[in-house]
Amino acid sequence: MKLFYQTHSPYARKALVFAHEVGLAGEIEVLHQETSPTRRNPEVFALNPLGKVPVLITREDEAIFDSDVICEYLDGLAGTKLIPQGASRWPALTMQAVAQGLCDAGIAVRWETERRPEALRYPPLRDGQIEKLVDGYDWLERHLDPDPPLHVGHVAAATALSWLEFRSLPPFRPGRPRLTAWFDRFSERASMRATPLAGETHD
């Protein structure tokens, strides 16, 4: 398999951390690709009409995307290890959704603080997205079990929080002791240590 990847994408990292956690990272060739809404990457667009990574070339030589779909595919190969079935499925997927939303909000904050030309920035939009970050952090503080069975929501949350810190976006610490302690423990996992964030966005 091949994973079209970006070393500073929280979504791509989520897929790769997930691959490590289900024991399939060794079967995946990671190919770094720079993508941006303002710069077309023809190689990525040839696989994904949205021009985004991650994209996984599967064992069947098909291109699948985005990170949620890639995780579902890898979990199926691994025998449904990290995406639960039954009643526990919905809390796991809900946590994944919150984590993905934190990344979306963080990207929007970056557009309104540094990526968009200063004259075109809209502070009310920035502030509204920061509120989403704060409320998302509070939700995770309430809902994260300190010692749960690992699932996809944890992978999504850890990679989202790591990226938010990497980009120096509004922090989740101090003030959320359960979330902070959980994140610090998760960050020591081999899957996280093997996939460090690096690089800058090219617009």
N, C-alpha and C. Protein backbone atom coordinates (compact mmCIF):
# COMPACT_ATOMS: atom_id res chain seq x y z
N MET A 1 0.84 -1.19 0.00
CA MET A 1 0.00 0.00 0.00
C MET A 1 0.88 1.25 0.00
N LYS A 2 0.30 2.35 -0.47
CA LYS A 2 1.00 3.62 -0.47
C LYS A 2 0.10 4.68 0.19
N LEU A 3 0.71 5.53 0.99
CA LEU A 3 -0.02 6.61 1.65
C LEU A 3 0.56 7.94 1.20
N PHE A 4 -0.25 8.70 0.47
CA PHE A 4 0.14 10.06 0.12
C PHE A 4 -0.11 10.92 1.35
N TYR A 5 0.93 11.58 1.80
CA TYR A 5 1.04 12.07 3.17
C TYR A 5 1.59 13.49 3.17
N GLN A 6 1.41 14.17 4.28
CA GLN A 6 2.00 15.48 4.49
C GLN A 6 2.44 15.55 5.94
N THR A 7 3.69 15.89 6.18
CA THR A 7 4.24 15.77 7.54
C THR A 7 3.66 16.79 8.50
N HIS A 8 2.94 17.79 8.00
CA HIS A 8 2.33 18.78 8.90
C HIS A 8 0.81 18.77 8.81
N SER A 9 0.25 17.68 8.36
CA SER A 9 -1.21 17.53 8.31
C SER A 9 -1.70 16.67 9.47
N PRO A 10 -2.61 17.17 10.29
CA PRO A 10 -3.15 16.33 11.37
C PRO A 10 -3.99 15.18 10.85
N TYR A 11 -4.64 15.39 9.71
CA TYR A 11 -5.48 14.34 9.13
C TYR A 11 -4.62 13.19 8.60
N ALA A 12 -3.55 13.53 7.88
CA ALA A 12 -2.65 12.49 7.38
C ALA A 12 -2.00 11.75 8.54
N ARG A 13 -1.59 12.50 9.56
CA ARG A 13 -0.93 11.84 10.69
C ARG A 13 -1.90 10.89 11.40
N LYS A 14 -3.16 11.28 11.49
CA LYS A 14 -4.14 10.39 12.12
C LYS A 14 -4.16 9.04 11.41
N ALA A 15 -4.18 9.07 10.08
CA ALA A 15 -4.23 7.81 9.32
C ALA A 15 -2.97 6.98 9.56
N LEU A 16 -1.82 7.64 9.63
CA LEU A 16 -0.58 6.88 9.81
C LEU A 16 -0.43 6.36 11.24
N VAL A 17 -0.81 7.16 12.22
CA VAL A 17 -0.80 6.67 13.61
C VAL A 17 -1.73 5.47 13.73
N PHE A 18 -2.90 5.56 13.11
CA PHE A 18 -3.85 4.45 13.14
C PHE A 18 -3.22 3.20 12.52
N ALA A 19 -2.52 3.37 11.40
CA ALA A 19 -1.86 2.23 10.76
C ALA A 19 -0.85 1.58 11.71
N HIS A 20 -0.09 2.39 12.42
CA HIS A 20 0.84 1.85 13.41
C HIS A 20 0.09 1.08 14.49
N GLU A 21 -1.00 1.64 14.98
CA GLU A 21 -1.72 1.04 16.11
C GLU A 21 -2.37 -0.29 15.74
N VAL A 22 -2.73 -0.47 14.47
CA VAL A 22 -3.35 -1.75 14.08
C VAL A 22 -2.32 -2.70 13.45
N GLY A 23 -1.04 -2.31 13.47
CA GLY A 23 0.01 -3.21 13.03
C GLY A 23 0.21 -3.29 11.53
N LEU A 24 -0.21 -2.27 10.78
CA LEU A 24 -0.10 -2.32 9.32
C LEU A 24 0.87 -1.29 8.76
N ALA A 25 1.52 -0.50 9.59
CA ALA A 25 2.40 0.55 9.08
C ALA A 25 3.53 -0.02 8.24
N GLY A 26 4.00 -1.21 8.57
CA GLY A 26 5.09 -1.83 7.82
C GLY A 26 4.72 -2.19 6.41
N GLU A 27 3.42 -2.24 6.09
CA GLU A 27 2.97 -2.58 4.74
C GLU A 27 2.73 -1.34 3.88
N ILE A 28 3.00 -0.15 4.44
CA ILE A 28 2.63 1.09 3.76
C ILE A 28 3.88 1.90 3.42
N GLU A 29 3.99 2.26 2.15
CA GLU A 29 5.03 3.20 1.72
C GLU A 29 4.46 4.61 1.85
N VAL A 30 5.14 5.45 2.61
CA VAL A 30 4.67 6.82 2.86
C VAL A 30 5.34 7.76 1.87
N LEU A 31 4.51 8.50 1.13
CA LEU A 31 4.99 9.41 0.09
C LEU A 31 4.55 10.83 0.43
N HIS A 32 5.50 11.68 0.79
CA HIS A 32 5.15 13.05 1.18
C HIS A 32 4.73 13.86 -0.04
N GLN A 33 3.62 14.59 0.12
CA GLN A 33 3.11 15.46 -0.93
C GLN A 33 2.67 16.78 -0.31
N GLU A 34 3.17 17.89 -0.83
CA GLU A 34 2.71 19.20 -0.37
C GLU A 34 1.40 19.54 -1.07
N THR A 35 0.41 19.93 -0.31
CA THR A 35 -0.87 20.36 -0.86
C THR A 35 -1.29 21.65 -0.19
N SER A 36 -2.10 22.43 -0.87
CA SER A 36 -2.61 23.69 -0.34
C SER A 36 -3.80 24.10 -1.18
N PRO A 37 -4.77 24.82 -0.59
CA PRO A 37 -5.89 25.32 -1.39
C PRO A 37 -5.47 26.28 -2.50
N THR A 38 -4.26 26.85 -2.38
CA THR A 38 -3.82 27.84 -3.37
C THR A 38 -2.77 27.30 -4.33
N ARG A 39 -2.34 26.05 -4.13
CA ARG A 39 -1.34 25.46 -5.02
C ARG A 39 -1.81 24.07 -5.44
N ARG A 40 -2.01 23.89 -6.70
CA ARG A 40 -2.51 22.61 -7.20
C ARG A 40 -1.36 21.60 -7.28
N ASN A 41 -1.58 20.43 -6.69
CA ASN A 41 -0.63 19.33 -6.79
C ASN A 41 -1.23 18.30 -7.75
N PRO A 42 -0.76 18.25 -8.99
CA PRO A 42 -1.39 17.38 -9.99
C PRO A 42 -1.39 15.91 -9.59
N GLU A 43 -0.34 15.46 -8.90
CA GLU A 43 -0.26 14.04 -8.53
C GLU A 43 -1.35 13.68 -7.54
N VAL A 44 -1.63 14.59 -6.60
CA VAL A 44 -2.69 14.32 -5.63
C VAL A 44 -4.06 14.47 -6.27
N PHE A 45 -4.24 15.50 -7.10
CA PHE A 45 -5.53 15.68 -7.77
C PHE A 45 -5.88 14.50 -8.66
N ALA A 46 -4.87 13.84 -9.20
CA ALA A 46 -5.14 12.67 -10.05
C ALA A 46 -5.76 11.53 -9.26
N LEU A 47 -5.56 11.53 -7.96
CA LEU A 47 -6.08 10.48 -7.09
C LEU A 47 -7.31 10.92 -6.31
N ASN A 48 -7.36 12.20 -5.94
CA ASN A 48 -8.44 12.74 -5.11
C ASN A 48 -8.89 14.04 -5.75
N PRO A 49 -10.13 14.13 -6.23
CA PRO A 49 -10.59 15.34 -6.90
C PRO A 49 -10.61 16.57 -6.01
N LEU A 50 -10.49 16.37 -4.68
CA LEU A 50 -10.43 17.50 -3.75
C LEU A 50 -9.00 17.98 -3.55
N GLY A 51 -8.03 17.24 -4.07
CA GLY A 51 -6.64 17.67 -3.99
C GLY A 51 -6.04 17.63 -2.60
N LYS A 52 -6.56 16.75 -1.75
CA LYS A 52 -6.11 16.71 -0.36
C LYS A 52 -5.46 15.37 -0.04
N VAL A 53 -4.59 15.42 0.96
CA VAL A 53 -4.07 14.19 1.58
C VAL A 53 -4.70 14.09 2.97
N PRO A 54 -4.76 12.86 3.51
CA PRO A 54 -4.17 11.63 3.02
C PRO A 54 -5.01 10.94 1.94
N VAL A 55 -4.28 10.24 1.07
CA VAL A 55 -4.87 9.32 0.10
C VAL A 55 -4.14 7.99 0.26
N LEU A 56 -4.88 6.92 0.37
CA LEU A 56 -4.28 5.59 0.46
C LEU A 56 -4.52 4.82 -0.82
N ILE A 57 -3.44 4.27 -1.39
CA ILE A 57 -3.57 3.31 -2.48
C ILE A 57 -3.66 1.94 -1.82
N THR A 58 -4.79 1.30 -1.98
CA THR A 58 -5.08 0.08 -1.24
C THR A 58 -4.39 -1.14 -1.84
N ARG A 59 -4.57 -2.26 -1.17
CA ARG A 59 -4.06 -3.52 -1.71
C ARG A 59 -4.67 -3.85 -3.06
N GLU A 60 -5.87 -3.33 -3.28
CA GLU A 60 -6.55 -3.57 -4.57
C GLU A 60 -6.19 -2.52 -5.61
N ASP A 61 -5.22 -1.65 -5.28
CA ASP A 61 -4.74 -0.59 -6.17
C ASP A 61 -5.83 0.44 -6.45
N GLU A 62 -6.65 0.70 -5.44
CA GLU A 62 -7.65 1.75 -5.53
C GLU A 62 -7.26 2.90 -4.61
N ALA A 63 -7.59 4.13 -5.01
CA ALA A 63 -7.31 5.30 -4.18
C ALA A 63 -8.52 5.58 -3.30
N ILE A 64 -8.30 5.63 -1.98
CA ILE A 64 -9.38 5.98 -1.06
C ILE A 64 -8.94 7.15 -0.19
N PHE A 65 -9.91 7.93 0.25
CA PHE A 65 -9.68 9.13 1.06
C PHE A 65 -11.01 9.47 1.71
N ASP A 66 -11.13 10.18 2.81
CA ASP A 66 -10.13 10.90 3.56
C ASP A 66 -9.64 10.05 4.73
N SER A 67 -9.19 10.69 5.83
CA SER A 67 -8.62 9.91 6.93
C SER A 67 -9.63 8.97 7.57
N ASP A 68 -10.89 9.38 7.69
CA ASP A 68 -11.90 8.51 8.29
C ASP A 68 -12.06 7.23 7.47
N VAL A 69 -12.12 7.37 6.16
CA VAL A 69 -12.30 6.22 5.28
C VAL A 69 -11.07 5.33 5.32
N ILE A 70 -9.90 5.95 5.32
CA ILE A 70 -8.66 5.18 5.39
C ILE A 70 -8.61 4.36 6.67
N CYS A 71 -8.98 4.99 7.78
CA CYS A 71 -8.98 4.25 9.05
C CYS A 71 -9.96 3.09 9.03
N GLU A 72 -11.12 3.30 8.44
CA GLU A 72 -12.11 2.21 8.31
C GLU A 72 -11.52 1.05 7.50
N TYR A 73 -10.86 1.38 6.40
CA TYR A 73 -10.27 0.35 5.55
C TYR A 73 -9.20 -0.43 6.31
N LEU A 74 -8.29 0.29 6.96
CA LEU A 74 -7.21 -0.37 7.68
C LEU A 74 -7.75 -1.20 8.84
N ASP A 75 -8.79 -0.72 9.49
CA ASP A 75 -9.36 -1.47 10.60
C ASP A 75 -9.97 -2.78 10.10
N GLY A 76 -10.57 -2.72 8.92
CA GLY A 76 -11.11 -3.95 8.33
C GLY A 76 -10.01 -4.96 8.01
N LEU A 77 -8.90 -4.47 7.48
CA LEU A 77 -7.78 -5.37 7.20
C LEU A 77 -7.25 -6.00 8.48
N ALA A 78 -7.25 -5.21 9.54
CA ALA A 78 -6.67 -5.67 10.80
C ALA A 78 -7.65 -6.51 11.62
N GLY A 79 -8.90 -6.58 11.17
CA GLY A 79 -9.88 -7.37 11.91
C GLY A 79 -10.66 -6.58 12.94
N THR A 80 -11.01 -5.35 12.59
CA THR A 80 -11.84 -4.49 13.44
C THR A 80 -11.25 -4.38 14.84
N LYS A 81 -10.14 -3.72 14.93
CA LYS A 81 -9.46 -3.57 16.21
C LYS A 81 -9.78 -2.27 16.93
N LEU A 82 -9.85 -1.17 16.19
CA LEU A 82 -9.96 0.15 16.84
C LEU A 82 -11.23 0.91 16.50
N ILE A 83 -12.07 0.35 15.66
CA ILE A 83 -13.38 0.96 15.41
C ILE A 83 -14.41 -0.02 15.95
N PRO A 84 -14.95 0.26 17.13
CA PRO A 84 -15.82 -0.72 17.79
C PRO A 84 -17.10 -0.96 17.02
N GLN A 85 -17.71 -2.08 17.34
CA GLN A 85 -19.04 -2.40 16.85
C GLN A 85 -20.02 -2.28 18.01
N GLY A 86 -21.30 -2.25 17.70
CA GLY A 86 -22.29 -2.19 18.76
C GLY A 86 -22.38 -0.82 19.41
N ALA A 87 -22.83 -0.79 20.64
CA ALA A 87 -23.11 0.47 21.32
C ALA A 87 -21.86 1.32 21.51
N SER A 88 -20.70 0.71 21.67
CA SER A 88 -19.48 1.49 21.91
C SER A 88 -18.96 2.16 20.64
N ARG A 89 -19.53 1.81 19.49
CA ARG A 89 -19.09 2.42 18.23
C ARG A 89 -19.37 3.92 18.21
N TRP A 90 -20.54 4.32 18.68
CA TRP A 90 -20.98 5.70 18.51
C TRP A 90 -20.19 6.69 19.37
N PRO A 91 -19.87 6.39 20.62
CA PRO A 91 -18.99 7.30 21.35
C PRO A 91 -17.62 7.45 20.71
N ALA A 92 -17.08 6.35 20.17
CA ALA A 92 -15.77 6.42 19.52
C ALA A 92 -15.82 7.32 18.28
N LEU A 93 -16.85 7.15 17.46
CA LEU A 93 -16.96 7.96 16.25
C LEU A 93 -17.30 9.40 16.58
N THR A 94 -18.06 9.61 17.65
CA THR A 94 -18.36 10.98 18.07
C THR A 94 -17.09 11.70 18.52
N MET A 95 -16.23 11.01 19.27
CA MET A 95 -14.96 11.61 19.67
C MET A 95 -14.11 11.91 18.45
N GLN A 96 -14.11 11.01 17.48
CA GLN A 96 -13.39 11.28 16.24
C GLN A 96 -13.92 12.54 15.57
N ALA A 97 -15.22 12.71 15.55
CA ALA A 97 -15.83 13.88 14.91
C ALA A 97 -15.42 15.17 15.63
N VAL A 98 -15.41 15.13 16.96
CA VAL A 98 -14.98 16.31 17.72
C VAL A 98 -13.53 16.64 17.38
N ALA A 99 -12.68 15.62 17.33
CA ALA A 99 -11.27 15.85 17.02
C ALA A 99 -11.09 16.42 15.62
N GLN A 100 -11.82 15.88 14.66
CA GLN A 100 -11.73 16.41 13.30
C GLN A 100 -12.20 17.87 13.27
N GLY A 101 -13.25 18.16 14.02
CA GLY A 101 -13.74 19.53 14.09
C GLY A 101 -12.74 20.49 14.71
N LEU A 102 -11.97 20.01 15.70
CA LEU A 102 -10.92 20.84 16.28
C LEU A 102 -9.88 21.19 15.22
N CYS A 103 -9.51 20.22 14.40
CA CYS A 103 -8.55 20.51 13.33
C CYS A 103 -9.13 21.52 12.34
N ASP A 104 -10.38 21.32 11.96
CA ASP A 104 -11.02 22.26 11.02
C ASP A 104 -11.03 23.67 11.59
N ALA A 105 -11.39 23.78 12.88
CA ALA A 105 -11.43 25.10 13.52
C ALA A 105 -10.03 25.70 13.60
N GLY A 106 -9.04 24.88 13.93
CA GLY A 106 -7.67 25.38 14.01
C GLY A 106 -7.17 25.89 12.68
N ILE A 107 -7.49 25.19 11.60
CA ILE A 107 -7.10 25.65 10.27
C ILE A 107 -7.77 26.98 9.96
N ALA A 108 -9.04 27.13 10.32
CA ALA A 108 -9.74 28.40 10.08
C ALA A 108 -9.11 29.53 10.88
N VAL A 109 -8.70 29.26 12.12
CA VAL A 109 -8.03 30.29 12.91
C VAL A 109 -6.74 30.72 12.24
N ARG A 110 -5.98 29.76 11.72
CA ARG A 110 -4.72 30.10 11.05
C ARG A 110 -4.96 30.97 9.82
N TRP A 111 -6.03 30.69 9.08
CA TRP A 111 -6.32 31.54 7.92
C TRP A 111 -6.58 32.98 8.35
N GLU A 112 -7.26 33.15 9.48
CA GLU A 112 -7.63 34.50 9.90
C GLU A 112 -6.58 35.17 10.76
N THR A 113 -5.46 34.52 11.01
CA THR A 113 -4.41 35.13 11.82
C THR A 113 -3.06 35.23 11.10
N GLU A 114 -2.80 34.31 10.14
CA GLU A 114 -1.49 34.37 9.50
C GLU A 114 -1.48 33.97 8.03
N ARG A 115 -2.39 33.15 7.58
CA ARG A 115 -2.30 32.67 6.21
C ARG A 115 -2.95 33.62 5.20
N ARG A 116 -4.06 34.21 5.56
CA ARG A 116 -4.72 35.14 4.65
C ARG A 116 -4.01 36.50 4.71
N PRO A 117 -3.93 37.24 3.60
CA PRO A 117 -3.37 38.60 3.66
C PRO A 117 -4.08 39.42 4.75
N GLU A 118 -3.29 40.19 5.47
CA GLU A 118 -3.82 40.87 6.67
C GLU A 118 -5.06 41.69 6.38
N ALA A 119 -5.09 42.37 5.26
CA ALA A 119 -6.24 43.23 4.94
C ALA A 119 -7.52 42.44 4.72
N LEU A 120 -7.41 41.14 4.47
CA LEU A 120 -8.57 40.31 4.18
C LEU A 120 -9.02 39.46 5.37
N ARG A 121 -8.32 39.58 6.50
CA ARG A 121 -8.68 38.78 7.66
C ARG A 121 -9.95 39.30 8.32
N TYR A 122 -10.70 38.37 8.93
CA TYR A 122 -12.01 38.71 9.52
C TYR A 122 -12.00 38.27 10.98
N PRO A 123 -11.68 39.16 11.90
CA PRO A 123 -11.54 38.78 13.32
C PRO A 123 -12.76 38.09 13.91
N PRO A 124 -14.02 38.48 13.58
CA PRO A 124 -15.15 37.74 14.16
C PRO A 124 -15.15 36.26 13.79
N LEU A 125 -14.72 35.93 12.58
CA LEU A 125 -14.64 34.52 12.20
C LEU A 125 -13.56 33.82 13.01
N ARG A 126 -12.41 34.47 13.18
CA ARG A 126 -11.34 33.92 14.03
C ARG A 126 -11.87 33.64 15.43
N ASP A 127 -12.57 34.62 16.00
CA ASP A 127 -13.05 34.47 17.38
C ASP A 127 -14.08 33.35 17.50
N GLY A 128 -14.93 33.21 16.49
CA GLY A 128 -15.91 32.13 16.52
C GLY A 128 -15.26 30.76 16.45
N GLN A 129 -14.20 30.65 15.68
CA GLN A 129 -13.49 29.37 15.60
C GLN A 129 -12.72 29.07 16.89
N ILE A 130 -12.19 30.09 17.52
CA ILE A 130 -11.52 29.89 18.81
C ILE A 130 -12.52 29.39 19.85
N GLU A 131 -13.74 29.90 19.83
CA GLU A 131 -14.77 29.40 20.74
C GLU A 131 -15.00 27.90 20.53
N LYS A 132 -14.98 27.47 19.28
CA LYS A 132 -15.14 26.03 19.01
C LYS A 132 -13.98 25.24 19.60
N LEU A 133 -12.77 25.76 19.50
CA LEU A 133 -11.63 25.08 20.11
C LEU A 133 -11.82 24.94 21.61
N VAL A 134 -12.18 26.02 22.26
CA VAL A 134 -12.35 26.00 23.71
C VAL A 134 -13.44 25.01 24.11
N ASP A 135 -14.58 25.07 23.43
CA ASP A 135 -15.68 24.15 23.77
C ASP A 135 -15.30 22.71 23.46
N GLY A 136 -14.54 22.49 22.38
CA GLY A 136 -14.09 21.14 22.07
C GLY A 136 -13.14 20.60 23.11
N TYR A 137 -12.22 21.43 23.59
CA TYR A 137 -11.32 21.01 24.67
C TYR A 137 -12.12 20.64 25.91
N ASP A 138 -13.11 21.46 26.22
CA ASP A 138 -13.92 21.18 27.43
C ASP A 138 -14.68 19.87 27.28
N TRP A 139 -15.17 19.61 26.07
CA TRP A 139 -15.89 18.36 25.83
C TRP A 139 -14.95 17.17 26.05
N LEU A 140 -13.75 17.24 25.51
CA LEU A 140 -12.80 16.15 25.70
C LEU A 140 -12.44 15.98 27.17
N GLU A 141 -12.28 17.08 27.89
CA GLU A 141 -11.99 17.00 29.33
C GLU A 141 -13.06 16.22 30.06
N ARG A 142 -14.31 16.40 29.64
CA ARG A 142 -15.43 15.71 30.31
C ARG A 142 -15.55 14.26 29.87
N HIS A 143 -15.25 13.95 28.62
CA HIS A 143 -15.60 12.65 28.06
C HIS A 143 -14.46 11.65 27.95
N LEU A 144 -13.23 12.10 28.08
CA LEU A 144 -12.12 11.15 27.98
C LEU A 144 -11.98 10.33 29.24
N ASP A 145 -12.12 9.04 29.10
CA ASP A 145 -11.85 8.11 30.19
C ASP A 145 -10.33 8.05 30.38
N PRO A 146 -9.82 8.17 31.62
CA PRO A 146 -8.36 8.19 31.80
C PRO A 146 -7.66 6.89 31.40
N ASP A 147 -8.37 5.77 31.37
CA ASP A 147 -7.72 4.51 31.02
C ASP A 147 -8.69 3.64 30.21
N PRO A 148 -9.04 4.09 28.99
CA PRO A 148 -10.06 3.38 28.22
C PRO A 148 -9.46 2.33 27.30
N PRO A 149 -10.29 1.42 26.77
CA PRO A 149 -9.83 0.61 25.64
C PRO A 149 -9.58 1.54 24.45
N LEU A 150 -8.45 1.37 23.80
CA LEU A 150 -8.07 2.26 22.71
C LEU A 150 -9.05 2.15 21.55
N HIS A 151 -9.43 3.30 20.98
CA HIS A 151 -10.27 3.31 19.79
C HIS A 151 -9.90 4.49 18.89
N VAL A 152 -10.53 4.57 17.73
CA VAL A 152 -10.19 5.56 16.73
C VAL A 152 -10.36 6.98 17.24
N GLY A 153 -11.30 7.20 18.14
CA GLY A 153 -11.49 8.54 18.68
C GLY A 153 -10.27 9.04 19.44
N HIS A 154 -9.59 8.13 20.12
CA HIS A 154 -8.38 8.52 20.84
C HIS A 154 -7.27 8.90 19.87
N VAL A 155 -7.12 8.13 18.81
CA VAL A 155 -6.11 8.45 17.80
C VAL A 155 -6.40 9.83 17.20
N ALA A 156 -7.65 10.08 16.87
CA ALA A 156 -8.03 11.37 16.29
C ALA A 156 -7.79 12.51 17.27
N ALA A 157 -8.16 12.30 18.53
CA ALA A 157 -7.98 13.36 19.53
C ALA A 157 -6.51 13.67 19.76
N ALA A 158 -5.70 12.64 19.89
CA ALA A 158 -4.28 12.86 20.16
C ALA A 158 -3.59 13.56 19.00
N THR A 159 -3.88 13.15 17.78
CA THR A 159 -3.22 13.79 16.64
C THR A 159 -3.73 15.21 16.44
N ALA A 160 -5.00 15.46 16.75
CA ALA A 160 -5.52 16.83 16.66
C ALA A 160 -4.85 17.73 17.69
N LEU A 161 -4.81 17.30 18.95
CA LEU A 161 -4.22 18.12 20.00
C LEU A 161 -2.74 18.37 19.74
N SER A 162 -2.05 17.36 19.25
CA SER A 162 -0.63 17.52 18.95
C SER A 162 -0.43 18.57 17.87
N TRP A 163 -1.26 18.54 16.83
CA TRP A 163 -1.14 19.53 15.77
C TRP A 163 -1.47 20.93 16.26
N LEU A 164 -2.49 21.07 17.10
CA LEU A 164 -2.86 22.39 17.63
C LEU A 164 -1.71 22.98 18.44
N GLU A 165 -1.01 22.15 19.20
CA GLU A 165 0.17 22.62 19.91
C GLU A 165 1.29 22.94 18.93
N PHE A 166 1.50 22.11 17.95
CA PHE A 166 2.54 22.31 16.94
C PHE A 166 2.39 23.66 16.25
N ARG A 167 1.16 24.06 16.00
CA ARG A 167 0.88 25.32 15.32
C ARG A 167 0.66 26.49 16.29
N SER A 168 0.90 26.27 17.58
CA SER A 168 0.77 27.33 18.60
C SER A 168 -0.61 28.00 18.56
N LEU A 169 -1.64 27.18 18.37
CA LEU A 169 -3.01 27.66 18.39
C LEU A 169 -3.50 27.73 19.83
N PRO A 170 -4.65 28.36 20.08
CA PRO A 170 -5.11 28.49 21.46
C PRO A 170 -5.02 27.17 22.21
N PRO A 171 -4.36 27.16 23.37
CA PRO A 171 -3.99 25.89 24.02
C PRO A 171 -5.12 25.26 24.81
N PHE A 172 -4.98 23.96 25.01
CA PHE A 172 -5.93 23.24 25.86
C PHE A 172 -5.42 23.12 27.29
N ARG A 173 -4.17 23.48 27.52
CA ARG A 173 -3.61 23.46 28.86
C ARG A 173 -2.98 24.81 29.16
N PRO A 174 -2.92 25.17 30.46
CA PRO A 174 -3.39 24.44 31.64
C PRO A 174 -4.91 24.58 31.80
N GLY A 175 -5.41 24.00 32.86
CA GLY A 175 -6.83 24.13 33.19
C GLY A 175 -7.67 22.92 32.87
N ARG A 176 -7.10 21.93 32.17
CA ARG A 176 -7.84 20.70 31.86
C ARG A 176 -6.97 19.52 32.25
N PRO A 177 -6.91 19.19 33.52
CA PRO A 177 -5.93 18.22 34.00
C PRO A 177 -6.13 16.81 33.46
N ARG A 178 -7.39 16.37 33.30
CA ARG A 178 -7.62 15.02 32.80
C ARG A 178 -7.17 14.90 31.34
N LEU A 179 -7.52 15.90 30.55
CA LEU A 179 -7.13 15.90 29.14
C LEU A 179 -5.62 15.99 29.00
N THR A 180 -5.00 16.84 29.78
CA THR A 180 -3.55 17.02 29.70
C THR A 180 -2.82 15.72 30.06
N ALA A 181 -3.23 15.09 31.15
CA ALA A 181 -2.57 13.85 31.58
C ALA A 181 -2.76 12.75 30.54
N TRP A 182 -3.97 12.65 30.01
CA TRP A 182 -4.22 11.62 28.98
C TRP A 182 -3.37 11.89 27.75
N PHE A 183 -3.33 13.13 27.28
CA PHE A 183 -2.58 13.46 26.07
C PHE A 183 -1.08 13.20 26.26
N ASP A 184 -0.55 13.57 27.41
CA ASP A 184 0.87 13.35 27.64
C ASP A 184 1.22 11.86 27.62
N ARG A 185 0.33 11.03 28.18
CA ARG A 185 0.58 9.59 28.13
C ARG A 185 0.49 9.07 26.70
N PHE A 186 -0.52 9.50 25.97
CA PHE A 186 -0.71 9.01 24.60
C PHE A 186 0.46 9.43 23.72
N SER A 187 1.00 10.60 23.96
CA SER A 187 2.09 11.11 23.13
C SER A 187 3.35 10.26 23.23
N GLU A 188 3.45 9.44 24.27
CA GLU A 188 4.61 8.57 24.44
C GLU A 188 4.46 7.24 23.72
N ARG A 189 3.31 6.99 23.12
CA ARG A 189 3.10 5.74 22.40
C ARG A 189 4.04 5.68 21.19
N ALA A 190 4.44 4.49 20.83
CA ALA A 190 5.37 4.31 19.71
C ALA A 190 4.79 4.89 18.41
N SER A 191 3.48 4.79 18.23
CA SER A 191 2.85 5.29 17.01
C SER A 191 3.01 6.80 16.87
N MET A 192 2.95 7.52 17.99
CA MET A 192 3.11 8.97 17.96
C MET A 192 4.57 9.36 17.79
N ARG A 193 5.44 8.64 18.45
CA ARG A 193 6.86 8.96 18.37
C ARG A 193 7.43 8.67 16.98
N ALA A 194 6.79 7.74 16.28
CA ALA A 194 7.25 7.39 14.92
C ALA A 194 6.74 8.34 13.84
N THR A 195 5.83 9.26 14.20
CA THR A 195 5.18 10.11 13.19
C THR A 195 5.24 11.59 13.58
N PRO A 196 6.41 12.14 13.87
CA PRO A 196 6.47 13.53 14.35
C PRO A 196 6.00 14.51 13.29
N LEU A 197 5.38 15.58 13.74
CA LEU A 197 4.99 16.65 12.85
C LEU A 197 6.22 17.48 12.47
N ALA A 198 6.23 17.97 11.23
CA ALA A 198 7.35 18.77 10.77
C ALA A 198 6.94 19.55 9.53
N GLY A 199 7.58 20.69 9.33
CA GLY A 199 7.38 21.43 8.09
C GLY A 199 6.40 22.57 8.21
N GLU A 200 6.37 23.39 7.15
CA GLU A 200 5.51 24.56 7.10
C GLU A 200 4.54 24.46 5.92
N THR A 201 3.42 25.14 6.05
CA THR A 201 2.44 25.19 4.99
C THR A 201 2.94 26.08 3.86
N HIS A 202 2.72 25.65 2.62
CA HIS A 202 3.13 26.42 1.45
C HIS A 202 1.88 26.88 0.71
N ASP A 203 1.54 28.16 0.85
CA ASP A 203 0.37 28.71 0.15
C ASP A 203 0.81 29.49 -1.09
